[in-house]
Amino acid sequence: MAVRAVRGAVQLERDDAGHMRDQVGELLTVVLERNGLTADDLISIWFTATPDLHSDFPAAAARDLGIVDVPLICAQELDIAGAMPRVVRLLAHVETDLPKSAVAHVYLGAAAALRKDIAQ
């Protein structure tokens, strides 16, 4: 079993706590599904949010999904001129038998434009 990192992102339509929890919850669910993972495979998740998001902690969505015994942390993205607004990103460390080349990084909706080279 190897430790791998999985990336993901989603752009929110608005800064609203319920919307954030729904969208980040969907992102986490898709990351797990596309990589054949369960919550037991998670080691930790690092969330970032752009500076224009204030309504909630992205990690709250993981707790809503029942991910309660995994270390989570939230941080703010750099405030770069011209950067895509209202984006939540994640970096999940997981235990998996997948080779690096088979890890599915997930960029939902408009966030796919952030990493066209690895978005699946």
Protein backbone atom coordinates (compact mmCIF):
# COMPACT_ATOMS: atom_id res chain seq x y z
CA MET A 1 0.00 0.00 0.00
CA ALA A 2 1.40 3.39 -0.99
CA VAL A 3 0.68 6.93 0.13
CA ARG A 4 -0.58 9.08 -2.74
CA ALA A 5 -1.79 12.67 -3.05
CA VAL A 6 -5.04 13.47 -4.82
CA ARG A 7 -5.91 16.99 -5.98
CA GLY A 8 -9.30 18.50 -6.60
CA ALA A 9 -11.14 21.79 -6.92
CA VAL A 10 -14.58 23.25 -7.42
CA GLN A 11 -15.75 26.77 -8.17
CA LEU A 12 -18.73 27.91 -6.11
CA GLU A 13 -21.52 29.96 -7.63
CA ARG A 14 -21.87 32.06 -4.46
CA ASP A 15 -20.44 32.45 -0.97
CA ASP A 16 -23.11 30.58 0.98
CA ALA A 17 -22.50 27.99 3.70
CA GLY A 18 -25.06 25.47 2.42
CA HIS A 19 -23.86 25.82 -1.15
CA MET A 20 -20.24 25.38 -0.03
CA ARG A 21 -21.07 22.23 1.92
CA ASP A 22 -22.99 20.78 -1.04
CA GLN A 23 -20.29 21.54 -3.60
CA VAL A 24 -17.34 20.47 -1.45
CA GLY A 25 -19.26 17.36 -0.41
CA GLU A 26 -19.78 16.51 -4.08
CA LEU A 27 -16.08 17.11 -4.79
CA LEU A 28 -15.03 14.77 -1.97
CA THR A 29 -17.51 12.12 -3.04
CA VAL A 30 -16.28 12.18 -6.64
CA VAL A 31 -12.61 12.08 -5.53
CA LEU A 32 -13.33 8.97 -3.47
CA GLU A 33 -15.43 7.28 -6.17
CA ARG A 34 -13.06 7.92 -9.08
CA ASN A 35 -10.12 6.57 -7.10
CA GLY A 36 -11.93 3.58 -5.58
CA LEU A 37 -11.37 4.94 -2.06
CA THR A 38 -13.31 4.92 1.19
CA ALA A 39 -13.02 7.19 4.20
CA ASP A 40 -10.77 4.54 5.79
CA ASP A 41 -8.19 5.16 3.03
CA LEU A 42 -7.88 8.85 3.89
CA ILE A 43 -4.81 9.98 5.84
CA SER A 44 -5.48 13.74 5.83
CA ILE A 45 -7.08 16.46 3.73
CA TRP A 46 -5.88 20.01 3.25
CA PHE A 47 -8.52 22.46 1.97
CA THR A 48 -7.89 25.94 0.64
CA ALA A 49 -10.41 28.61 -0.27
CA THR A 50 -9.96 31.81 -2.22
CA PRO A 51 -10.06 35.01 -0.12
CA ASP A 52 -13.60 35.83 -1.31
CA LEU A 53 -15.11 32.82 0.55
CA HIS A 54 -16.12 33.54 4.15
CA SER A 55 -19.35 31.65 4.81
CA ASP A 56 -17.99 28.36 6.19
CA PHE A 57 -15.00 26.07 6.55
CA PRO A 58 -14.69 23.71 3.57
CA ALA A 59 -13.75 20.93 5.99
CA ALA A 60 -17.28 21.07 7.42
CA ALA A 61 -18.45 19.26 4.28
CA ALA A 62 -16.17 16.32 5.09
CA ARG A 63 -17.59 16.10 8.59
CA ASP A 64 -21.11 16.19 7.10
CA LEU A 65 -20.16 13.14 5.00
CA GLY A 66 -19.13 11.25 8.15
CA ILE A 67 -15.40 11.75 7.72
CA VAL A 68 -14.79 12.34 11.42
CA ASP A 69 -11.51 10.61 12.28
CA VAL A 70 -9.33 12.11 9.54
CA PRO A 71 -7.19 15.20 10.21
CA LEU A 72 -8.49 18.16 8.19
CA ILE A 73 -7.13 21.68 7.82
CA CYS A 74 -8.34 24.79 6.02
CA ALA A 75 -6.22 27.64 4.69
CA GLN A 76 -6.64 30.66 2.47
CA GLU A 77 -5.31 30.70 -1.09
CA LEU A 78 -3.01 33.49 -2.20
CA ASP A 79 -4.87 36.59 -3.38
CA ILE A 80 -3.54 36.73 -6.95
CA ALA A 81 -4.89 39.32 -9.39
CA GLY A 82 -6.92 37.62 -12.11
CA ALA A 83 -7.23 34.30 -10.29
CA MET A 84 -10.49 32.37 -10.58
CA PRO A 85 -12.88 33.52 -7.82
CA ARG A 86 -14.80 31.40 -5.28
CA VAL A 87 -12.64 28.27 -5.56
CA VAL A 88 -12.19 25.55 -2.97
CA ARG A 89 -9.24 23.24 -3.55
CA LEU A 90 -8.28 20.05 -1.76
CA LEU A 91 -5.17 17.96 -1.39
CA ALA A 92 -5.96 14.55 0.07
CA HIS A 93 -3.30 12.12 1.23
CA VAL A 94 -4.52 8.55 0.83
CA GLU A 95 -3.42 4.95 1.16
CA THR A 96 -3.95 3.12 -2.12
CA ASP A 97 -2.52 0.49 -4.43
CA LEU A 98 -2.95 2.84 -7.40
CA PRO A 99 0.24 3.92 -9.17
CA LYS A 100 0.75 7.69 -9.36
CA SER A 101 -0.19 7.64 -13.03
CA ALA A 102 -3.62 6.14 -12.24
CA VAL A 103 -4.65 8.64 -9.56
CA ALA A 104 -7.71 10.60 -10.73
CA HIS A 105 -7.49 14.29 -9.87
CA VAL A 106 -10.93 15.89 -9.89
CA TYR A 107 -11.74 19.42 -11.06
CA LEU A 108 -15.49 19.97 -11.19
CA GLY A 109 -17.32 22.47 -13.37
CA ALA A 110 -15.46 25.66 -14.23
CA ALA A 111 -12.57 24.61 -11.98
CA ALA A 112 -11.49 22.19 -14.73
CA ALA A 113 -9.86 25.23 -16.37
CA LEU A 114 -7.40 25.42 -13.46
CA ARG A 115 -5.55 22.24 -14.41
CA LYS A 116 -6.41 21.15 -17.92
CA ASP A 117 -3.28 19.02 -17.85
CA ILE A 118 -4.54 16.71 -15.07
CA ALA A 119 -8.30 17.28 -14.74
CA GLN A 120 -10.23 14.10 -15.46
